[in-house]
């Protein structure tokens, strides 16, 4: 379903790139989210002080809470993974919430975006496994008994491929569904007041979906760090 009005798409039309903008709005808004987060990160880094302000206290509590939650699941040795998982959470949450602003498109409502995020997590899961176990990481795919390898190995491969599909379609389905509902309400019941309840619910959905992606990523990383049984 194509949005009736997207700011960045209209901007690209003015500079003669309308065809690209209409075909790939998720790419435009992915660049926008990355630029926004980079700008806010640089701005926050400049304002950090030994005597924290109220806003600094709030963000420190949020980030520290996320990190402690992850360490509780992975142990201290998993703390080094927080920059990746935290970045994924912030990116997905920001992308999800962006769709609640009229004229903006959430990149996570495109399967291309959610698939790329899922591939980063799943591929890095195996990088972690090789880092911690080396060649012995293959034991995670072979099962506890040698004669069950022909059965267990295909099941494990299918299971790991299913992780990509699970992460991709869960996030994509929820965000695209929300966009479709909003689009229908905008078309049938006015430009602002009728969709307000759905938009309020959308804030909850956006944060929950980002947290689910964050939680599943931690679980996959933790499983890769553990020794095979």
Protein backbone atom coordinates (compact mmCIF):
# COMPACT_ATOMS: atom_id res chain seq x y z
CA UNK A 1 0.00 0.00 0.00
CA UNK A 2 1.59 3.30 -1.11
CA UNK A 3 1.45 6.26 1.24
CA UNK A 4 -0.45 9.29 -0.09
CA UNK A 5 2.30 11.69 1.03
CA UNK A 6 5.88 11.11 2.16
CA UNK A 7 8.12 14.11 2.78
CA UNK A 8 11.38 12.56 1.59
CA UNK A 9 9.74 11.11 -1.51
CA UNK A 10 8.40 14.55 -2.44
CA UNK A 11 11.83 16.06 -1.80
CA UNK A 12 13.48 13.55 -4.11
CA UNK A 13 10.84 14.27 -6.76
CA UNK A 14 11.95 17.91 -6.73
CA UNK A 15 15.54 16.94 -7.50
CA UNK A 16 14.56 14.54 -10.26
CA UNK A 17 14.85 11.26 -8.36
CA UNK A 18 11.15 10.59 -7.94
CA UNK A 19 11.24 7.15 -9.58
CA UNK A 20 13.90 5.91 -7.14
CA UNK A 21 12.08 7.46 -4.18
CA UNK A 22 8.74 5.84 -5.04
CA UNK A 23 10.38 2.45 -5.63
CA UNK A 24 12.57 2.44 -2.51
CA UNK A 25 11.08 4.64 0.24
CA UNK A 26 12.47 2.26 2.87
CA UNK A 27 16.01 3.10 1.73
CA UNK A 28 15.38 6.85 2.01
CA UNK A 29 13.99 6.52 5.49
CA UNK A 30 16.72 4.10 6.53
CA UNK A 31 19.26 6.78 5.60
CA UNK A 32 17.16 9.31 7.49
CA UNK A 33 17.09 7.16 10.65
CA UNK A 34 20.84 6.51 10.47
CA UNK A 35 21.56 10.21 10.00
CA UNK A 36 19.20 11.15 12.82
CA UNK A 37 20.77 8.67 15.25
CA UNK A 38 24.29 9.73 14.27
CA UNK A 39 23.38 13.39 14.83
CA UNK A 40 21.70 12.73 18.17
CA UNK A 41 24.61 10.52 19.26
CA UNK A 42 27.15 13.24 18.46
CA UNK A 43 24.98 15.83 20.20
CA UNK A 44 24.63 13.63 23.28
CA UNK A 45 28.38 12.96 23.40
CA UNK A 46 29.12 16.69 23.46
CA UNK A 47 26.70 17.31 26.33
CA UNK A 48 27.99 14.53 28.60
CA UNK A 49 29.23 15.93 31.93
CA UNK A 50 30.46 14.63 35.27
CA UNK A 51 27.44 16.27 36.85
CA UNK A 52 24.66 14.75 34.74
CA UNK A 53 21.63 16.70 33.65
CA UNK A 54 18.11 15.32 33.97
CA UNK A 55 18.06 14.08 30.38
CA UNK A 56 21.49 12.48 30.80
CA UNK A 57 20.26 10.70 33.93
CA UNK A 58 17.23 9.35 32.05
CA UNK A 59 19.28 7.98 29.16
CA UNK A 60 21.93 6.55 31.47
CA UNK A 61 19.26 4.68 33.41
CA UNK A 62 17.71 3.32 30.17
CA UNK A 63 21.01 2.22 28.64
CA UNK A 64 22.31 0.78 31.89
CA UNK A 65 19.04 -1.08 32.40
CA UNK A 66 19.28 -2.63 28.93
CA UNK A 67 22.91 -3.61 29.51
CA UNK A 68 22.19 -5.14 32.92
CA UNK A 69 19.26 -7.08 31.44
CA UNK A 70 21.55 -8.50 28.78
CA UNK A 71 24.34 -9.36 31.25
CA UNK A 72 21.83 -11.19 33.44
CA UNK A 73 21.15 -13.49 30.48
CA UNK A 74 24.61 -13.85 28.97
CA UNK A 75 26.86 -13.39 31.99
CA UNK A 76 29.72 -10.92 32.22
CA UNK A 77 31.47 -12.42 29.21
CA UNK A 78 28.60 -11.29 27.01
CA UNK A 79 28.90 -7.61 27.95
CA UNK A 80 31.05 -6.89 24.89
CA UNK A 81 28.08 -7.74 22.68
CA UNK A 82 25.93 -4.93 24.05
CA UNK A 83 27.02 -2.25 21.53
CA UNK A 84 25.69 -4.38 18.67
CA UNK A 85 22.47 -5.49 20.37
CA UNK A 86 21.83 -2.05 21.83
CA UNK A 87 22.33 -0.43 18.42
CA UNK A 88 19.92 -2.89 16.80
CA UNK A 89 17.30 -2.11 19.46
CA UNK A 90 17.68 1.66 19.12
CA UNK A 91 17.60 1.50 15.32
CA UNK A 92 14.50 -0.72 15.20
CA UNK A 93 12.66 1.25 17.90
CA UNK A 94 13.38 4.55 16.12
CA UNK A 95 12.36 3.13 12.75
CA UNK A 96 9.13 1.76 14.20
CA UNK A 97 8.23 5.02 15.96
CA UNK A 98 9.02 7.06 12.85
CA UNK A 99 5.97 5.58 11.16
CA UNK A 100 3.70 7.28 13.70
CA UNK A 101 4.65 10.71 12.34
CA UNK A 102 2.46 11.76 9.37
CA UNK A 103 4.53 11.99 6.21
CA UNK A 104 7.15 9.48 7.37
CA UNK A 105 7.55 5.82 6.49
CA UNK A 106 8.95 3.26 8.97
CA UNK A 107 11.84 1.38 7.29
CA UNK A 108 10.86 -1.71 9.27
CA UNK A 109 7.59 -1.90 7.31
CA UNK A 110 9.73 -3.17 4.41
CA UNK A 111 10.83 -6.79 4.37
CA UNK A 112 14.20 -5.71 2.96
CA UNK A 113 15.01 -3.81 6.16
CA UNK A 114 13.85 -6.50 8.55
CA UNK A 115 15.67 -9.19 6.56
CA UNK A 116 18.92 -7.21 6.69
CA UNK A 117 18.62 -6.81 10.48
CA UNK A 118 17.85 -10.52 10.87
CA UNK A 119 20.84 -11.53 8.74
CA UNK A 120 23.18 -9.34 10.81
CA UNK A 121 22.02 -11.02 14.02
CA UNK A 122 22.03 -14.60 12.72
CA UNK A 123 25.37 -14.32 10.93
CA UNK A 124 26.98 -12.70 13.97
CA UNK A 125 25.57 -15.51 16.11
CA UNK A 126 27.80 -17.94 14.22
CA UNK A 127 30.74 -15.54 14.39
CA UNK A 128 30.35 -15.63 18.17
CA UNK A 129 30.15 -19.43 18.15
CA UNK A 130 33.37 -19.73 16.15
CA UNK A 131 35.08 -17.12 18.34
CA UNK A 132 34.27 -19.04 21.55
CA UNK A 133 34.58 -22.64 20.35
CA UNK A 134 36.58 -22.61 17.13
CA UNK A 135 36.08 -25.72 14.99
CA UNK A 136 34.26 -27.39 17.90
CA UNK A 137 31.32 -25.06 17.26
CA UNK A 138 30.13 -27.65 14.74
CA UNK A 139 29.10 -29.80 17.72
CA UNK A 140 26.14 -27.44 18.20
CA UNK A 141 24.72 -28.90 15.00
CA UNK A 142 25.52 -32.60 15.50
CA UNK A 143 23.58 -33.64 18.58
CA UNK A 144 24.72 -35.67 21.60
CA UNK A 145 25.06 -39.07 19.89
CA UNK A 146 27.11 -39.71 16.73
CA UNK A 147 24.62 -42.01 15.06
CA UNK A 148 21.91 -39.31 15.27
CA UNK A 149 23.98 -36.83 13.24
CA UNK A 150 22.13 -37.55 9.92
CA UNK A 151 18.88 -36.63 11.69
CA UNK A 152 20.01 -33.80 13.97
CA UNK A 153 22.20 -31.91 11.50
CA UNK A 154 19.44 -31.16 8.91
CA UNK A 155 17.06 -30.21 11.72
CA UNK A 156 19.61 -27.78 13.19
CA UNK A 157 20.27 -26.20 9.79
CA UNK A 158 16.54 -25.74 9.21
CA UNK A 159 16.18 -24.32 12.72
CA UNK A 160 18.89 -21.72 12.16
CA UNK A 161 17.42 -20.73 8.79
CA UNK A 162 14.05 -20.43 10.51
CA UNK A 163 15.57 -17.87 12.86
CA UNK A 164 16.08 -15.56 9.89
CA UNK A 165 12.47 -16.00 8.81
CA UNK A 166 11.18 -15.60 12.35
CA UNK A 167 13.03 -12.33 13.01
CA UNK A 168 12.21 -11.00 9.54
CA UNK A 169 8.50 -11.73 9.30
CA UNK A 170 7.57 -11.03 12.92
CA UNK A 171 8.85 -7.46 12.74
CA UNK A 172 7.78 -6.88 9.13
CA UNK A 173 4.29 -8.29 9.64
CA UNK A 174 3.53 -6.21 12.71
CA UNK A 175 4.83 -2.95 11.28
CA UNK A 176 3.29 -3.41 7.83
CA UNK A 177 -0.02 -4.40 9.42
CA UNK A 178 0.03 -1.24 11.50
CA UNK A 179 0.78 0.86 8.40
CA UNK A 180 -2.11 -0.74 6.50
CA UNK A 181 -4.57 -0.09 9.32
CA UNK A 182 -3.46 3.53 9.60
CA UNK A 183 -3.71 3.99 5.84
CA UNK A 184 -7.26 2.62 5.76
CA UNK A 185 -8.34 4.83 8.66
CA UNK A 186 -6.78 7.90 7.06
CA UNK A 187 -8.67 7.16 3.86
CA UNK A 188 -12.03 6.41 5.48
CA UNK A 189 -12.24 8.60 8.56
CA UNK A 190 -10.17 11.74 8.15
CA UNK A 191 -6.55 12.72 8.38
CA UNK A 192 -5.96 12.85 12.12
CA UNK A 193 -8.52 12.19 14.85
CA UNK A 194 -9.88 8.78 13.83
CA UNK A 195 -6.45 7.05 13.69
CA UNK A 196 -5.40 8.43 17.11
CA UNK A 197 -6.28 5.23 19.08
CA UNK A 198 -4.37 3.10 16.57
CA UNK A 199 -1.44 5.52 16.71
CA UNK A 200 -1.40 5.29 20.51
CA UNK A 201 -1.43 1.51 20.29
CA UNK A 202 1.30 1.81 17.66
CA UNK A 203 3.71 3.28 20.21
CA UNK A 204 3.27 0.17 22.35
CA UNK A 205 3.63 -2.17 19.35
CA UNK A 206 6.74 -0.32 18.10
CA UNK A 207 8.55 -0.65 21.43
CA UNK A 208 7.44 -4.25 22.03
CA UNK A 209 8.62 -5.38 18.60
CA UNK A 210 11.99 -3.70 19.12
CA UNK A 211 12.30 -5.40 22.52
CA UNK A 212 11.34 -8.82 21.09
CA UNK A 213 14.04 -8.47 18.43
CA UNK A 214 16.48 -7.38 21.13
CA UNK A 215 15.54 -10.32 23.39
CA UNK A 216 15.75 -12.96 20.66
CA UNK A 217 19.14 -11.61 19.56
CA UNK A 218 20.45 -12.01 23.11
CA UNK A 219 19.09 -15.55 23.31
CA UNK A 220 20.77 -16.52 20.03
CA UNK A 221 24.08 -15.00 21.12
CA UNK A 222 23.88 -16.75 24.49
CA UNK A 223 23.22 -20.10 22.83
CA UNK A 224 26.26 -19.64 20.59
CA UNK A 225 28.48 -18.93 23.60
CA UNK A 226 27.34 -21.99 25.52
CA UNK A 227 29.09 -25.33 25.16
CA UNK A 228 27.32 -27.95 23.08
CA UNK A 229 25.60 -30.72 25.04
